[in-house]
Amino acid sequence: MNSVIASTGLSMFKLKTGCSPQMIPPLIPANLPDTLGASQDAAAATQFLEQMQLTEHKAKDNLLAAKVIQAFQADKHCGHQDCFQVSDWVMVTTVH
């Protein structure tokens, strides 16, 4: 649960919660009154959501980088493709 995934560079716990499992996240009640619009709790929640968004972007960037590397490695094993021109003669098999 705390192991880092190579393609994202983050642990699943960090992706889901936004913090490392060694840190205890602050407990915020589920039902906050409407008067807390400019309170410290609202600021903390906003900061948490911004951190989660940054974590999500980092994971997406790492997944994209892993995808590019995987495509590059897979393309190494592809054979040379022949280029055909219009009116070229080709042999077609009907075995399959």
PDB file of N, CA and C in Angstrom:
ATOM      1  N   MET A   1       0.826  -1.184   0.000  1.00  0.00           N
ATOM      2  CA  MET A   1       0.000   0.000   0.000  1.00  0.00           C
ATOM      3  C   MET A   1       0.872   1.250   0.000  1.00  0.00           C
ATOM      4  N   ASN A   2       2.037   1.168   0.591  1.00  0.00           N
ATOM      5  CA  ASN A   2       2.912   2.328   0.676  1.00  0.00           C
ATOM      6  C   ASN A   2       4.024   2.275  -0.362  1.00  0.00           C
ATOM      7  N   SER A   3       4.024   1.254  -1.225  1.00  0.00           N
ATOM      8  CA  SER A   3       5.094   1.151  -2.212  1.00  0.00           C
ATOM      9  C   SER A   3       4.839   2.112  -3.370  1.00  0.00           C
ATOM     10  N   VAL A   4       5.920   2.622  -3.916  1.00  0.00           N
ATOM     11  CA  VAL A   4       5.843   3.589  -5.004  1.00  0.00           C
ATOM     12  C   VAL A   4       5.686   2.838  -6.319  1.00  0.00           C
ATOM     13  N   ILE A   5       4.730   3.257  -7.123  1.00  0.00           N
ATOM     14  CA  ILE A   5       4.498   2.661  -8.433  1.00  0.00           C
ATOM     15  C   ILE A   5       5.452   3.319  -9.416  1.00  0.00           C
ATOM     16  N   ALA A   6       6.151   2.515 -10.202  1.00  0.00           N
ATOM     17  CA  ALA A   6       7.190   3.041 -11.092  1.00  0.00           C
ATOM     18  C   ALA A   6       6.627   3.991 -12.134  1.00  0.00           C
ATOM     19  N   SER A   7       5.460   3.695 -12.682  1.00  0.00           N
ATOM     20  CA  SER A   7       4.931   4.525 -13.761  1.00  0.00           C
ATOM     21  C   SER A   7       4.409   5.871 -13.276  1.00  0.00           C
ATOM     22  N   THR A   8       3.933   5.963 -12.031  1.00  0.00           N
ATOM     23  CA  THR A   8       3.432   7.242 -11.520  1.00  0.00           C
ATOM     24  C   THR A   8       4.440   7.953 -10.640  1.00  0.00           C
ATOM     25  N   GLY A   9       5.330   7.189 -10.014  1.00  0.00           N
ATOM     26  CA  GLY A   9       6.278   7.788  -9.089  1.00  0.00           C
ATOM     27  C   GLY A   9       5.658   8.090  -7.734  1.00  0.00           C
ATOM     28  N   LEU A  10       4.436   7.620  -7.508  1.00  0.00           N
ATOM     29  CA  LEU A  10       3.718   7.879  -6.262  1.00  0.00           C
ATOM     30  C   LEU A  10       3.114   6.575  -5.753  1.00  0.00           C
ATOM     31  N   SER A  11       2.787   6.550  -4.456  1.00  0.00           N
ATOM     32  CA  SER A  11       2.093   5.394  -3.906  1.00  0.00           C
ATOM     33  C   SER A  11       0.592   5.572  -4.116  1.00  0.00           C
ATOM     34  N   MET A  12      -0.153   4.469  -4.081  1.00  0.00           N
ATOM     35  CA  MET A  12      -1.607   4.560  -4.240  1.00  0.00           C
ATOM     36  C   MET A  12      -2.230   5.347  -3.095  1.00  0.00           C
ATOM     37  N   PHE A  13      -1.669   5.224  -1.904  1.00  0.00           N
ATOM     38  CA  PHE A  13      -2.179   5.973  -0.762  1.00  0.00           C
ATOM     39  C   PHE A  13      -2.059   7.469  -1.015  1.00  0.00           C
ATOM     40  N   LYS A  14      -0.916   7.893  -1.560  1.00  0.00           N
ATOM     41  CA  LYS A  14      -0.695   9.310  -1.859  1.00  0.00           C
ATOM     42  C   LYS A  14      -1.660   9.781  -2.945  1.00  0.00           C
ATOM     43  N   LEU A  15      -1.912   8.934  -3.952  1.00  0.00           N
ATOM     44  CA  LEU A  15      -2.837   9.311  -5.014  1.00  0.00           C
ATOM     45  C   LEU A  15      -4.265   9.453  -4.507  1.00  0.00           C
ATOM     46  N   LYS A  16      -4.668   8.566  -3.602  1.00  0.00           N
ATOM     47  CA  LYS A  16      -6.049   8.592  -3.126  1.00  0.00           C
ATOM     48  C   LYS A  16      -6.294   9.666  -2.078  1.00  0.00           C
ATOM     49  N   THR A  17      -5.326   9.879  -1.190  1.00  0.00           N
ATOM     50  CA  THR A  17      -5.566  10.777  -0.062  1.00  0.00           C
ATOM     51  C   THR A  17      -4.821  12.092  -0.149  1.00  0.00           C
ATOM     52  N   GLY A  18      -3.749  12.141  -0.925  1.00  0.00           N
ATOM     53  CA  GLY A  18      -2.988  13.378  -1.055  1.00  0.00           C
ATOM     54  C   GLY A  18      -1.889  13.548  -0.031  1.00  0.00           C
ATOM     55  N   CYS A  19      -1.708  12.579   0.852  1.00  0.00           N
ATOM     56  CA  CYS A  19      -0.637  12.688   1.840  1.00  0.00           C
ATOM     57  C   CYS A  19       0.002  11.313   2.019  1.00  0.00           C
ATOM     58  N   SER A  20       1.184  11.323   2.583  1.00  0.00           N
ATOM     59  CA  SER A  20       1.875  10.071   2.849  1.00  0.00           C
ATOM     60  C   SER A  20       1.259   9.396   4.066  1.00  0.00           C
ATOM     61  N   PRO A  21       1.303   8.060   4.146  1.00  0.00           N
ATOM     62  CA  PRO A  21       0.662   7.384   5.269  1.00  0.00           C
ATOM     63  C   PRO A  21       1.343   7.634   6.609  1.00  0.00           C
ATOM     64  N   GLN A  22       2.572   8.169   6.612  1.00  0.00           N
ATOM     65  CA  GLN A  22       3.229   8.460   7.878  1.00  0.00           C
ATOM     66  C   GLN A  22       2.612   9.689   8.554  1.00  0.00           C
ATOM     67  N   MET A  23       1.995  10.553   7.768  1.00  0.00           N
ATOM     68  CA  MET A  23       1.393  11.772   8.314  1.00  0.00           C
ATOM     69  C   MET A  23      -0.079  11.509   8.617  1.00  0.00           C
ATOM     70  N   ILE A  24      -0.547  12.005   9.743  1.00  0.00           N
ATOM     71  CA  ILE A  24      -1.958  11.875  10.079  1.00  0.00           C
ATOM     72  C   ILE A  24      -2.677  13.090   9.501  1.00  0.00           C
ATOM     73  N   PRO A  25      -3.637  12.882   8.595  1.00  0.00           N
ATOM     74  CA  PRO A  25      -4.324  14.026   8.006  1.00  0.00           C
ATOM     75  C   PRO A  25      -5.228  14.705   9.026  1.00  0.00           C
ATOM     76  N   PRO A  26      -5.471  16.002   8.875  1.00  0.00           N
ATOM     77  CA  PRO A  26      -6.357  16.690   9.816  1.00  0.00           C
ATOM     78  C   PRO A  26      -7.789  16.199   9.655  1.00  0.00           C
ATOM     79  N   LEU A  27      -8.501  16.137  10.756  1.00  0.00           N
ATOM     80  CA  LEU A  27      -9.886  15.691  10.729  1.00  0.00           C
ATOM     81  C   LEU A  27     -10.794  16.903  10.587  1.00  0.00           C
ATOM     82  N   ILE A  28     -11.532  16.962   9.505  1.00  0.00           N
ATOM     83  CA  ILE A  28     -12.477  18.054   9.256  1.00  0.00           C
ATOM     84  C   ILE A  28     -13.864  17.440   9.232  1.00  0.00           C
ATOM     85  N   PRO A  29     -14.818  18.006   9.963  1.00  0.00           N
ATOM     86  CA  PRO A  29     -16.165  17.438   9.978  1.00  0.00           C
ATOM     87  C   PRO A  29     -16.783  17.439   8.580  1.00  0.00           C
ATOM     88  N   ALA A  30     -17.628  16.439   8.322  1.00  0.00           N
ATOM     89  CA  ALA A  30     -18.261  16.335   7.004  1.00  0.00           C
ATOM     90  C   ALA A  30     -19.291  17.437   6.786  1.00  0.00           C
ATOM     91  N   ASN A  31     -19.996  17.844   7.840  1.00  0.00           N
ATOM     92  CA  ASN A  31     -21.036  18.873   7.719  1.00  0.00           C
ATOM     93  C   ASN A  31     -20.537  20.187   8.305  1.00  0.00           C
ATOM     94  N   LEU A  32     -19.973  21.028   7.456  1.00  0.00           N
ATOM     95  CA  LEU A  32     -19.491  22.330   7.908  1.00  0.00           C
ATOM     96  C   LEU A  32     -20.588  23.371   7.746  1.00  0.00           C
ATOM     97  N   PRO A  33     -20.755  24.268   8.714  1.00  0.00           N
ATOM     98  CA  PRO A  33     -21.752  25.332   8.569  1.00  0.00           C
ATOM     99  C   PRO A  33     -21.389  26.277   7.424  1.00  0.00           C
ATOM    100  N   ASP A  34     -22.399  26.951   6.880  1.00  0.00           N
ATOM    101  CA  ASP A  34     -22.180  27.884   5.777  1.00  0.00           C
ATOM    102  C   ASP A  34     -21.379  29.104   6.204  1.00  0.00           C
ATOM    103  N   THR A  35     -21.297  29.381   7.486  1.00  0.00           N
ATOM    104  CA  THR A  35     -20.584  30.571   7.964  1.00  0.00           C
ATOM    105  C   THR A  35     -19.072  30.402   7.935  1.00  0.00           C
ATOM    106  N   LEU A  36     -18.595  29.247   7.546  1.00  0.00           N
ATOM    107  CA  LEU A  36     -17.157  28.997   7.525  1.00  0.00           C
ATOM    108  C   LEU A  36     -16.525  29.337   6.178  1.00  0.00           C
ATOM    109  N   GLY A  37     -17.154  30.186   5.403  1.00  0.00           N
ATOM    110  CA  GLY A  37     -16.656  30.517   4.077  1.00  0.00           C
ATOM    111  C   GLY A  37     -15.265  31.106   4.078  1.00  0.00           C
ATOM    112  N   ALA A  38     -14.943  31.962   5.032  1.00  0.00           N
ATOM    113  CA  ALA A  38     -13.636  32.620   5.076  1.00  0.00           C
ATOM    114  C   ALA A  38     -12.823  32.165   6.284  1.00  0.00           C
ATOM    115  N   SER A  39     -13.122  31.011   6.813  1.00  0.00           N
ATOM    116  CA  SER A  39     -12.437  30.549   8.018  1.00  0.00           C
ATOM    117  C   SER A  39     -11.139  29.830   7.671  1.00  0.00           C
ATOM    118  N   GLN A  40     -10.422  29.464   8.709  1.00  0.00           N
ATOM    119  CA  GLN A  40      -9.181  28.717   8.525  1.00  0.00           C
ATOM    120  C   GLN A  40      -9.460  27.323   7.969  1.00  0.00           C
ATOM    121  N   ASP A  41     -10.591  26.751   8.349  1.00  0.00           N
ATOM    122  CA  ASP A  41     -10.944  25.430   7.828  1.00  0.00           C
ATOM    123  C   ASP A  41     -11.171  25.483   6.322  1.00  0.00           C
ATOM    124  N   ALA A  42     -11.833  26.534   5.862  1.00  0.00           N
ATOM    125  CA  ALA A  42     -12.060  26.673   4.421  1.00  0.00           C
ATOM    126  C   ALA A  42     -10.736  26.862   3.696  1.00  0.00           C
ATOM    127  N   ALA A  43      -9.831  27.620   4.290  1.00  0.00           N
ATOM    128  CA  ALA A  43      -8.510  27.820   3.682  1.00  0.00           C
ATOM    129  C   ALA A  43      -7.734  26.506   3.653  1.00  0.00           C
ATOM    130  N   ALA A  44      -7.846  25.729   4.724  1.00  0.00           N
ATOM    131  CA  ALA A  44      -7.161  24.434   4.769  1.00  0.00           C
ATOM    132  C   ALA A  44      -7.741  23.476   3.729  1.00  0.00           C
ATOM    133  N   ALA A  45      -9.060  23.495   3.583  1.00  0.00           N
ATOM    134  CA  ALA A  45      -9.691  22.634   2.581  1.00  0.00           C
ATOM    135  C   ALA A  45      -9.276  23.044   1.174  1.00  0.00           C
ATOM    136  N   THR A  46      -9.221  24.342   0.931  1.00  0.00           N
ATOM    137  CA  THR A  46      -8.786  24.832  -0.380  1.00  0.00           C
ATOM    138  C   THR A  46      -7.349  24.424  -0.655  1.00  0.00           C
ATOM    139  N   GLN A  47      -6.495  24.551   0.341  1.00  0.00           N
ATOM    140  CA  GLN A  47      -5.097  24.156   0.183  1.00  0.00           C
ATOM    141  C   GLN A  47      -4.991  22.651  -0.081  1.00  0.00           C
ATOM    142  N   PHE A  48      -5.792  21.867   0.623  1.00  0.00           N
ATOM    143  CA  PHE A  48      -5.788  20.418   0.420  1.00  0.00           C
ATOM    144  C   PHE A  48      -6.206  20.066  -1.005  1.00  0.00           C
ATOM    145  N   LEU A  49      -7.269  20.711  -1.496  1.00  0.00           N
ATOM    146  CA  LEU A  49      -7.741  20.426  -2.849  1.00  0.00           C
ATOM    147  C   LEU A  49      -6.716  20.838  -3.893  1.00  0.00           C
ATOM    148  N   GLU A  50      -6.031  21.954  -3.666  1.00  0.00           N
ATOM    149  CA  GLU A  50      -4.979  22.371  -4.589  1.00  0.00           C
ATOM    150  C   GLU A  50      -3.832  21.368  -4.593  1.00  0.00           C
ATOM    151  N   GLN A  51      -3.477  20.858  -3.419  1.00  0.00           N
ATOM    152  CA  GLN A  51      -2.418  19.856  -3.326  1.00  0.00           C
ATOM    153  C   GLN A  51      -2.833  18.565  -4.025  1.00  0.00           C
ATOM    154  N   MET A  52      -4.096  18.174  -3.866  1.00  0.00           N
ATOM    155  CA  MET A  52      -4.593  16.977  -4.546  1.00  0.00           C
ATOM    156  C   MET A  52      -4.548  17.156  -6.062  1.00  0.00           C
ATOM    157  N   GLN A  53      -4.874  18.360  -6.526  1.00  0.00           N
ATOM    158  CA  GLN A  53      -4.836  18.627  -7.959  1.00  0.00           C
ATOM    159  C   GLN A  53      -3.402  18.551  -8.483  1.00  0.00           C
ATOM    160  N   LEU A  54      -2.453  19.098  -7.727  1.00  0.00           N
ATOM    161  CA  LEU A  54      -1.051  19.002  -8.128  1.00  0.00           C
ATOM    162  C   LEU A  54      -0.579  17.551  -8.154  1.00  0.00           C
ATOM    163  N   THR A  55      -1.003  16.773  -7.168  1.00  0.00           N
ATOM    164  CA  THR A  55      -0.642  15.359  -7.119  1.00  0.00           C
ATOM    165  C   THR A  55      -1.216  14.617  -8.322  1.00  0.00           C
ATOM    166  N   GLU A  56      -2.462  14.935  -8.662  1.00  0.00           N
ATOM    167  CA  GLU A  56      -3.087  14.300  -9.823  1.00  0.00           C
ATOM    168  C   GLU A  56      -2.348  14.658 -11.112  1.00  0.00           C
ATOM    169  N   HIS A  57      -1.975  15.926 -11.262  1.00  0.00           N
ATOM    170  CA  HIS A  57      -1.238  16.343 -12.456  1.00  0.00           C
ATOM    171  C   HIS A  57       0.129  15.660 -12.532  1.00  0.00           C
ATOM    172  N   LYS A  58       0.776  15.514 -11.379  1.00  0.00           N
ATOM    173  CA  LYS A  58       2.073  14.842 -11.357  1.00  0.00           C
ATOM    174  C   LYS A  58       1.928  13.381 -11.775  1.00  0.00           C
ATOM    175  N   ALA A  59       0.886  12.720 -11.280  1.00  0.00           N
ATOM    176  CA  ALA A  59       0.649  11.320 -11.648  1.00  0.00           C
ATOM    177  C   ALA A  59       0.352  11.199 -13.141  1.00  0.00           C
ATOM    178  N   LYS A  60      -0.446  12.122 -13.677  1.00  0.00           N
ATOM    179  CA  LYS A  60      -0.755  12.084 -15.110  1.00  0.00           C
ATOM    180  C   LYS A  60       0.500  12.308 -15.944  1.00  0.00           C
ATOM    181  N   ASP A  61       1.332  13.257 -15.526  1.00  0.00           N
ATOM    182  CA  ASP A  61       2.583  13.509 -16.244  1.00  0.00           C
ATOM    183  C   ASP A  61       3.488  12.280 -16.216  1.00  0.00           C
ATOM    184  N   ASN A  62       3.586  11.641 -15.051  1.00  0.00           N
ATOM    185  CA  ASN A  62       4.426  10.450 -14.933  1.00  0.00           C
ATOM    186  C   ASN A  62       3.874   9.291 -15.760  1.00  0.00           C
ATOM    187  N   LEU A  63       2.534   9.155 -15.807  1.00  0.00           N
ATOM    188  CA  LEU A  63       1.939   8.107 -16.635  1.00  0.00           C
ATOM    189  C   LEU A  63       2.185   8.371 -18.116  1.00  0.00           C
ATOM    190  N   LEU A  64       2.104   9.633 -18.528  1.00  0.00           N
ATOM    191  CA  LEU A  64       2.373   9.972 -19.923  1.00  0.00           C
ATOM    192  C   LEU A  64       3.828   9.678 -20.279  1.00  0.00           C
ATOM    193  N   ALA A  65       4.741  10.019 -19.382  1.00  0.00           N
ATOM    194  CA  ALA A  65       6.159   9.733 -19.624  1.00  0.00           C
ATOM    195  C   ALA A  65       6.395   8.226 -19.712  1.00  0.00           C
ATOM    196  N   ALA A  66       5.754   7.455 -18.835  1.00  0.00           N
ATOM    197  CA  ALA A  66       5.893   5.997 -18.881  1.00  0.00           C
ATOM    198  C   ALA A  66       5.319   5.441 -20.178  1.00  0.00           C
ATOM    199  N   LYS A  67       4.212   6.013 -20.636  1.00  0.00           N
ATOM    200  CA  LYS A  67       3.604   5.563 -21.891  1.00  0.00           C
ATOM    201  C   LYS A  67       4.537   5.811 -23.073  1.00  0.00           C
ATOM    202  N   VAL A  68       5.185   6.973 -23.086  1.00  0.00           N
ATOM    203  CA  VAL A  68       6.119   7.297 -24.166  1.00  0.00           C
ATOM    204  C   VAL A  68       7.304   6.335 -24.147  1.00  0.00           C
ATOM    205  N   ILE A  69       7.838   6.071 -22.963  1.00  0.00           N
ATOM    206  CA  ILE A  69       8.974   5.151 -22.841  1.00  0.00           C
ATOM    207  C   ILE A  69       8.572   3.740 -23.279  1.00  0.00           C
ATOM    208  N   GLN A  70       7.375   3.299 -22.863  1.00  0.00           N
ATOM    209  CA  GLN A  70       6.910   1.966 -23.254  1.00  0.00           C
ATOM    210  C   GLN A  70       6.717   1.876 -24.769  1.00  0.00           C
ATOM    211  N   ALA A  71       6.176   2.921 -25.376  1.00  0.00           N
ATOM    212  CA  ALA A  71       5.990   2.921 -26.831  1.00  0.00           C
ATOM    213  C   ALA A  71       7.339   2.885 -27.541  1.00  0.00           C
ATOM    214  N   PHE A  72       8.302   3.637 -27.034  1.00  0.00           N
ATOM    215  CA  PHE A  72       9.635   3.642 -27.630  1.00  0.00           C
ATOM    216  C   PHE A  72      10.264   2.257 -27.553  1.00  0.00           C
ATOM    217  N   GLN A  73      10.154   1.616 -26.381  1.00  0.00           N
ATOM    218  CA  GLN A  73      10.727   0.282 -26.209  1.00  0.00           C
ATOM    219  C   GLN A  73      10.008  -0.749 -27.086  1.00  0.00           C
ATOM    220  N   ALA A  74       8.693  -0.633 -27.210  1.00  0.00           N
ATOM    221  CA  ALA A  74       7.940  -1.572 -28.044  1.00  0.00           C
ATOM    222  C   ALA A  74       8.277  -1.383 -29.517  1.00  0.00           C
ATOM    223  N   ASP A  75       8.492  -0.148 -29.927  1.00  0.00           N
ATOM    224  CA  ASP A  75       8.814   0.123 -31.327  1.00  0.00           C
ATOM    225  C   ASP A  75      10.188  -0.404 -31.714  1.00  0.00           C
ATOM    226  N   LYS A  76      11.056  -0.625 -30.750  1.00  0.00           N
ATOM    227  CA  LYS A  76      12.369  -1.193 -31.048  1.00  0.00           C
ATOM    228  C   LYS A  76      12.249  -2.594 -31.640  1.00  0.00           C
ATOM    229  N   HIS A  77      11.203  -3.309 -31.242  1.00  0.00           N
ATOM    230  CA  HIS A  77      11.043  -4.697 -31.648  1.00  0.00           C
ATOM    231  C   HIS A  77      10.215  -4.847 -32.921  1.00  0.00           C
ATOM    232  N   CYS A  78       9.717  -3.751 -33.458  1.00  0.00           N
ATOM    233  CA  CYS A  78       8.935  -3.819 -34.692  1.00  0.00           C
ATOM    234  C   CYS A  78       9.875  -3.924 -35.880  1.00  0.00           C
ATOM    235  N   GLY A  79       9.467  -4.704 -36.849  1.00  0.00           N
ATOM    236  CA  GLY A  79      10.284  -4.882 -38.038  1.00  0.00           C
ATOM    237  C   GLY A  79      10.165  -3.701 -38.990  1.00  0.00           C
ATOM    238  N   HIS A  80      11.002  -3.724 -40.006  1.00  0.00           N
ATOM    239  CA  HIS A  80      10.977  -2.680 -41.018  1.00  0.00           C
ATOM    240  C   HIS A  80       9.708  -2.822 -41.856  1.00  0.00           C
ATOM    241  N   GLN A  81       9.015  -1.729 -42.077  1.00  0.00           N
ATOM    242  CA  GLN A  81       7.798  -1.769 -42.880  1.00  0.00           C
ATOM    243  C   GLN A  81       8.130  -1.441 -44.329  1.00  0.00           C
ATOM    244  N   ASP A  82       7.609  -2.254 -45.221  1.00  0.00           N
ATOM    245  CA  ASP A  82       7.807  -1.999 -46.642  1.00  0.00           C
ATOM    246  C   ASP A  82       6.844  -0.910 -47.100  1.00  0.00           C
ATOM    247  N   CYS A  83       7.315  -0.069 -47.977  1.00  0.00           N
ATOM    248  CA  CYS A  83       6.485   0.998 -48.522  1.00  0.00           C
ATOM    249  C   CYS A  83       6.020   0.579 -49.909  1.00  0.00           C
ATOM    250  N   PHE A  84       4.731   0.559 -50.097  1.00  0.00           N
ATOM    251  CA  PHE A  84       4.165   0.196 -51.390  1.00  0.00           C
ATOM    252  C   PHE A  84       3.658   1.447 -52.087  1.00  0.00           C
ATOM    253  N   GLN A  85       3.788   1.450 -53.374  1.00  0.00           N
ATOM    254  CA  GLN A  85       3.285   2.540 -54.203  1.00  0.00           C
ATOM    255  C   GLN A  85       2.056   2.047 -54.965  1.00  0.00           C
ATOM    256  N   VAL A  86       1.272   2.988 -55.452  1.00  0.00           N
ATOM    257  CA  VAL A  86       0.123   2.637 -56.273  1.00  0.00           C
ATOM    258  C   VAL A  86       0.636   1.912 -57.514  1.00  0.00           C
ATOM    259  N   SER A  87      -0.023   0.850 -57.890  1.00  0.00           N
ATOM    260  CA  SER A  87       0.263  -0.014 -59.044  1.00  0.00           C
ATOM    261  C   SER A  87       1.427  -0.976 -58.795  1.00  0.00           C
ATOM    262  N   ASP A  88       1.928  -1.088 -57.551  1.00  0.00           N
ATOM    263  CA  ASP A  88       2.935  -2.100 -57.236  1.00  0.00           C
ATOM    264  C   ASP A  88       2.273  -3.471 -57.186  1.00  0.00           C
ATOM    265  N   TRP A  89       3.017  -4.487 -57.617  1.00  0.00           N
ATOM    266  CA  TRP A  89       2.533  -5.852 -57.544  1.00  0.00           C
ATOM    267  C   TRP A  89       2.860  -6.426 -56.167  1.00  0.00           C
ATOM    268  N   VAL A  90       1.874  -7.072 -55.541  1.00  0.00           N
ATOM    269  CA  VAL A  90       2.081  -7.705 -54.241  1.00  0.00           C
ATOM    270  C   VAL A  90       1.516  -9.115 -54.291  1.00  0.00           C
ATOM    271  N   MET A  91       2.029  -9.981 -53.433  1.00  0.00           N
ATOM    272  CA  MET A  91       1.507 -11.337 -53.346  1.00  0.00           C
ATOM    273  C   MET A  91       0.615 -11.416 -52.114  1.00  0.00           C
ATOM    274  N   VAL A  92      -0.595 -11.876 -52.297  1.00  0.00           N
ATOM    275  CA  VAL A  92      -1.575 -11.954 -51.222  1.00  0.00           C
ATOM    276  C   VAL A  92      -1.833 -13.420 -50.922  1.00  0.00           C
ATOM    277  N   THR A  93      -1.871 -13.767 -49.657  1.00  0.00           N
ATOM    278  CA  THR A  93      -2.163 -15.137 -49.257  1.00  0.00           C
ATOM    279  C   THR A  93      -3.593 -15.226 -48.742  1.00  0.00           C
ATOM    280  N   THR A  94      -4.219 -16.365 -48.958  1.00  0.00           N
ATOM    281  CA  THR A  94      -5.586 -16.581 -48.483  1.00  0.00           C
ATOM    282  C   THR A  94      -5.633 -17.678 -47.422  1.00  0.00           C
ATOM    283  N   VAL A  95      -4.495 -17.951 -46.799  1.00  0.00           N
ATOM    284  CA  VAL A  95      -4.415 -19.017 -45.799  1.00  0.00           C
ATOM    285  C   VAL A  95      -5.271 -18.682 -44.581  1.00  0.00           C
ATOM    286  N   HIS A  96      -5.288 -17.464 -44.155  1.00  0.00           N
ATOM    287  CA  HIS A  96      -6.016 -17.084 -42.942  1.00  0.00           C
ATOM    288  C   HIS A  96      -7.429 -16.800 -43.315  1.00  0.00           C
TER     289      HIS A  96
END
